[in-house]
């Protein structure tokens, strides 16, 4: 069994953030609209998590809410994870 690389989590959160951003844009939903829809009062948590700024990332609850709002399967956020 191979050990996880040191930057595994960082790469994981970056890719998930990219996937959320791409799907959000495909659906024509602004960061502000998404933020309000999942209970935030500003775009900051969404914009930060989409680019993994200051280690801010989406948790499973966030992803479930975002999937509901964007009407996509939550699995879409985990596609193309090349974490090698």
N, C-alpha and C. Protein backbone atom coordinates (compact mmCIF):
# COMPACT_ATOMS: atom_id res chain seq x y z
N UNK A 1 0.85 -1.17 0.00
CA UNK A 1 0.00 0.00 0.00
C UNK A 1 0.89 1.23 0.00
N UNK A 2 0.53 2.18 -0.84
CA UNK A 2 1.33 3.39 -0.99
C UNK A 2 0.81 4.49 -0.07
N UNK A 3 1.73 5.26 0.48
CA UNK A 3 1.35 6.38 1.33
C UNK A 3 0.88 7.55 0.48
N UNK A 4 -0.04 8.33 1.03
CA UNK A 4 -0.51 9.52 0.32
C UNK A 4 0.60 10.55 0.24
N UNK A 5 0.65 11.23 -0.86
CA UNK A 5 1.64 12.29 -1.02
C UNK A 5 1.27 13.48 -0.13
N UNK A 6 2.27 14.25 0.22
CA UNK A 6 2.10 15.37 1.14
C UNK A 6 1.05 16.38 0.66
N UNK A 7 0.99 16.62 -0.63
CA UNK A 7 0.07 17.64 -1.16
C UNK A 7 -1.24 17.04 -1.69
N UNK A 8 -1.55 15.80 -1.30
CA UNK A 8 -2.77 15.14 -1.76
C UNK A 8 -4.01 15.97 -1.47
N UNK A 9 -4.18 16.41 -0.23
CA UNK A 9 -5.38 17.16 0.16
C UNK A 9 -5.49 18.47 -0.60
N UNK A 10 -4.36 19.15 -0.76
CA UNK A 10 -4.37 20.42 -1.48
C UNK A 10 -4.84 20.22 -2.92
N UNK A 11 -4.27 19.23 -3.59
CA UNK A 11 -4.66 18.96 -4.97
C UNK A 11 -6.13 18.56 -5.06
N UNK A 12 -6.60 17.78 -4.10
CA UNK A 12 -7.99 17.37 -4.06
C UNK A 12 -8.92 18.58 -3.96
N UNK A 13 -8.64 19.46 -3.02
CA UNK A 13 -9.49 20.64 -2.82
C UNK A 13 -9.44 21.60 -4.01
N UNK A 14 -8.27 21.74 -4.62
CA UNK A 14 -8.14 22.60 -5.79
C UNK A 14 -9.00 22.07 -6.94
N UNK A 15 -8.92 20.77 -7.20
CA UNK A 15 -9.68 20.19 -8.32
C UNK A 15 -11.17 20.25 -8.06
N UNK A 16 -11.61 19.98 -6.84
CA UNK A 16 -13.04 20.07 -6.52
C UNK A 16 -13.51 21.51 -6.72
N UNK A 17 -12.72 22.47 -6.26
CA UNK A 17 -13.07 23.88 -6.45
C UNK A 17 -13.19 24.25 -7.91
N UNK A 18 -12.26 23.75 -8.73
CA UNK A 18 -12.32 23.99 -10.18
C UNK A 18 -13.59 23.40 -10.77
N UNK A 19 -13.92 22.18 -10.35
CA UNK A 19 -15.12 21.52 -10.87
C UNK A 19 -16.39 22.29 -10.49
N UNK A 20 -16.46 22.75 -9.25
CA UNK A 20 -17.61 23.54 -8.81
C UNK A 20 -17.71 24.80 -9.66
N UNK A 21 -16.58 25.48 -9.83
CA UNK A 21 -16.57 26.72 -10.60
C UNK A 21 -17.03 26.49 -12.04
N UNK A 22 -16.51 25.45 -12.68
CA UNK A 22 -16.86 25.16 -14.07
C UNK A 22 -18.34 24.83 -14.21
N UNK A 23 -18.86 24.02 -13.31
CA UNK A 23 -20.27 23.64 -13.39
C UNK A 23 -21.15 24.85 -13.09
N UNK A 24 -20.77 25.64 -12.11
CA UNK A 24 -21.53 26.85 -11.76
C UNK A 24 -21.62 27.77 -12.97
N UNK A 25 -20.49 27.96 -13.66
CA UNK A 25 -20.47 28.83 -14.83
C UNK A 25 -21.30 28.24 -15.97
N UNK A 26 -21.20 26.92 -16.18
CA UNK A 26 -22.00 26.26 -17.22
C UNK A 26 -23.49 26.48 -16.98
N UNK A 27 -23.88 26.51 -15.72
CA UNK A 27 -25.29 26.67 -15.36
C UNK A 27 -25.71 28.15 -15.34
N UNK A 28 -24.74 29.05 -15.52
CA UNK A 28 -25.05 30.47 -15.54
C UNK A 28 -25.40 31.05 -14.18
N UNK A 29 -24.81 30.50 -13.13
CA UNK A 29 -25.09 30.94 -11.77
C UNK A 29 -23.89 31.74 -11.25
N UNK A 30 -24.14 32.93 -10.76
CA UNK A 30 -23.06 33.75 -10.22
C UNK A 30 -22.63 33.23 -8.84
N UNK A 31 -21.44 33.63 -8.43
CA UNK A 31 -20.97 33.27 -7.10
C UNK A 31 -21.91 33.83 -6.03
N UNK A 32 -22.40 35.04 -6.24
CA UNK A 32 -23.29 35.66 -5.26
C UNK A 32 -24.61 34.89 -5.14
N UNK A 33 -25.19 34.54 -6.27
CA UNK A 33 -26.45 33.80 -6.26
C UNK A 33 -26.27 32.45 -5.57
N UNK A 34 -25.17 31.77 -5.86
CA UNK A 34 -24.88 30.48 -5.24
C UNK A 34 -24.68 30.65 -3.74
N UNK A 35 -23.92 31.67 -3.37
CA UNK A 35 -23.66 31.92 -1.95
C UNK A 35 -24.96 32.12 -1.19
N UNK A 36 -25.82 32.96 -1.70
CA UNK A 36 -27.12 33.21 -1.05
C UNK A 36 -27.95 31.93 -0.98
N UNK A 37 -27.94 31.15 -2.06
CA UNK A 37 -28.76 29.95 -2.13
C UNK A 37 -28.36 28.90 -1.09
N UNK A 38 -27.07 28.87 -0.72
CA UNK A 38 -26.65 27.86 0.27
C UNK A 38 -26.47 28.45 1.66
N UNK A 39 -26.87 29.71 1.83
CA UNK A 39 -26.91 30.26 3.18
C UNK A 39 -25.83 31.23 3.58
N UNK A 40 -24.99 31.65 2.64
CA UNK A 40 -23.96 32.64 2.96
C UNK A 40 -24.48 34.04 2.66
N UNK A 41 -23.85 35.03 3.25
CA UNK A 41 -24.27 36.41 3.04
C UNK A 41 -23.34 37.19 2.12
N UNK A 42 -22.28 36.52 1.65
CA UNK A 42 -21.35 37.16 0.71
C UNK A 42 -20.74 36.09 -0.19
N UNK A 43 -20.04 36.55 -1.22
CA UNK A 43 -19.40 35.61 -2.16
C UNK A 43 -18.09 35.06 -1.63
N UNK A 44 -17.57 35.65 -0.59
CA UNK A 44 -16.24 35.29 -0.10
C UNK A 44 -16.02 33.79 0.12
N UNK A 45 -16.91 33.09 0.80
CA UNK A 45 -16.67 31.65 1.00
C UNK A 45 -16.64 30.87 -0.32
N UNK A 46 -17.50 31.26 -1.25
CA UNK A 46 -17.55 30.57 -2.55
C UNK A 46 -16.30 30.89 -3.37
N UNK A 47 -15.98 32.17 -3.49
CA UNK A 47 -14.83 32.55 -4.30
C UNK A 47 -13.53 31.99 -3.72
N UNK A 48 -13.41 31.99 -2.42
CA UNK A 48 -12.20 31.46 -1.78
C UNK A 48 -12.08 29.96 -1.98
N UNK A 49 -13.19 29.23 -1.80
CA UNK A 49 -13.15 27.77 -1.93
C UNK A 49 -12.93 27.33 -3.38
N UNK A 50 -13.43 28.10 -4.33
CA UNK A 50 -13.24 27.72 -5.73
C UNK A 50 -11.77 27.75 -6.13
N UNK A 51 -10.97 28.57 -5.48
CA UNK A 51 -9.54 28.64 -5.81
C UNK A 51 -8.64 28.20 -4.66
N UNK A 52 -9.24 27.64 -3.60
CA UNK A 52 -8.50 27.15 -2.44
C UNK A 52 -7.61 28.25 -1.84
N UNK A 53 -8.18 29.44 -1.70
CA UNK A 53 -7.47 30.59 -1.13
C UNK A 53 -7.39 30.43 0.39
N UNK A 54 -6.20 30.59 0.94
CA UNK A 54 -5.98 30.47 2.40
C UNK A 54 -6.49 29.14 2.96
N UNK A 55 -6.35 28.08 2.19
CA UNK A 55 -6.79 26.73 2.59
C UNK A 55 -8.30 26.62 2.81
N UNK A 56 -9.06 27.55 2.27
CA UNK A 56 -10.52 27.48 2.39
C UNK A 56 -11.02 26.55 1.30
N UNK A 57 -11.86 25.60 1.70
CA UNK A 57 -12.37 24.61 0.75
C UNK A 57 -13.80 24.25 1.09
N UNK A 58 -14.45 23.58 0.15
CA UNK A 58 -15.82 23.13 0.33
C UNK A 58 -15.81 21.87 1.19
N UNK A 59 -16.75 21.79 2.14
CA UNK A 59 -16.91 20.54 2.87
C UNK A 59 -18.04 19.74 2.24
N UNK A 60 -18.30 18.57 2.75
CA UNK A 60 -19.30 17.70 2.14
C UNK A 60 -20.69 18.32 2.18
N UNK A 61 -21.03 19.00 3.26
CA UNK A 61 -22.33 19.67 3.36
C UNK A 61 -22.45 20.76 2.30
N UNK A 62 -21.39 21.56 2.13
CA UNK A 62 -21.40 22.60 1.09
C UNK A 62 -21.63 21.96 -0.28
N UNK A 63 -20.91 20.90 -0.57
CA UNK A 63 -21.01 20.26 -1.88
C UNK A 63 -22.41 19.68 -2.11
N UNK A 64 -23.02 19.13 -1.08
CA UNK A 64 -24.37 18.60 -1.21
C UNK A 64 -25.36 19.73 -1.52
N UNK A 65 -25.22 20.85 -0.83
CA UNK A 65 -26.10 22.00 -1.07
C UNK A 65 -25.88 22.57 -2.47
N UNK A 66 -24.63 22.69 -2.86
CA UNK A 66 -24.30 23.23 -4.19
C UNK A 66 -24.85 22.31 -5.28
N UNK A 67 -24.71 21.00 -5.10
CA UNK A 67 -25.24 20.04 -6.07
C UNK A 67 -26.75 20.20 -6.21
N UNK A 68 -27.42 20.40 -5.09
CA UNK A 68 -28.87 20.59 -5.12
C UNK A 68 -29.23 21.87 -5.87
N UNK A 69 -28.56 22.96 -5.54
CA UNK A 69 -28.85 24.26 -6.16
C UNK A 69 -28.56 24.22 -7.66
N UNK A 70 -27.45 23.59 -8.04
CA UNK A 70 -27.07 23.54 -9.44
C UNK A 70 -27.73 22.40 -10.20
N UNK A 71 -28.48 21.57 -9.48
CA UNK A 71 -29.20 20.45 -10.06
C UNK A 71 -28.25 19.50 -10.80
N UNK A 72 -27.20 19.07 -10.08
CA UNK A 72 -26.25 18.10 -10.61
C UNK A 72 -26.01 17.03 -9.55
N UNK A 73 -25.54 15.90 -9.98
CA UNK A 73 -25.14 14.84 -9.06
C UNK A 73 -23.86 15.29 -8.35
N UNK A 74 -23.79 15.09 -7.06
CA UNK A 74 -22.62 15.51 -6.29
C UNK A 74 -21.34 14.88 -6.83
N UNK A 75 -21.45 13.74 -7.47
CA UNK A 75 -20.29 13.05 -8.04
C UNK A 75 -19.59 13.89 -9.11
N UNK A 76 -20.31 14.81 -9.72
CA UNK A 76 -19.72 15.66 -10.76
C UNK A 76 -18.54 16.48 -10.21
N UNK A 77 -18.58 16.80 -8.95
CA UNK A 77 -17.50 17.60 -8.34
C UNK A 77 -16.21 16.80 -8.15
N UNK A 78 -16.32 15.48 -8.24
CA UNK A 78 -15.17 14.61 -8.00
C UNK A 78 -14.61 14.00 -9.28
N UNK A 79 -15.05 14.49 -10.42
CA UNK A 79 -14.56 13.96 -11.69
C UNK A 79 -13.19 14.53 -12.05
N UNK A 80 -12.45 13.73 -12.78
CA UNK A 80 -11.12 14.14 -13.28
C UNK A 80 -10.15 14.48 -12.17
N UNK A 81 -10.21 13.75 -11.08
CA UNK A 81 -9.26 13.97 -9.98
C UNK A 81 -7.98 13.21 -10.29
N UNK A 82 -7.03 13.93 -10.83
CA UNK A 82 -5.71 13.34 -11.11
C UNK A 82 -4.77 13.87 -10.04
N UNK A 83 -4.62 13.08 -8.99
CA UNK A 83 -3.91 13.56 -7.80
C UNK A 83 -2.53 12.95 -7.66
N UNK A 84 -2.04 12.33 -8.68
CA UNK A 84 -0.72 11.68 -8.62
C UNK A 84 0.37 12.67 -8.32
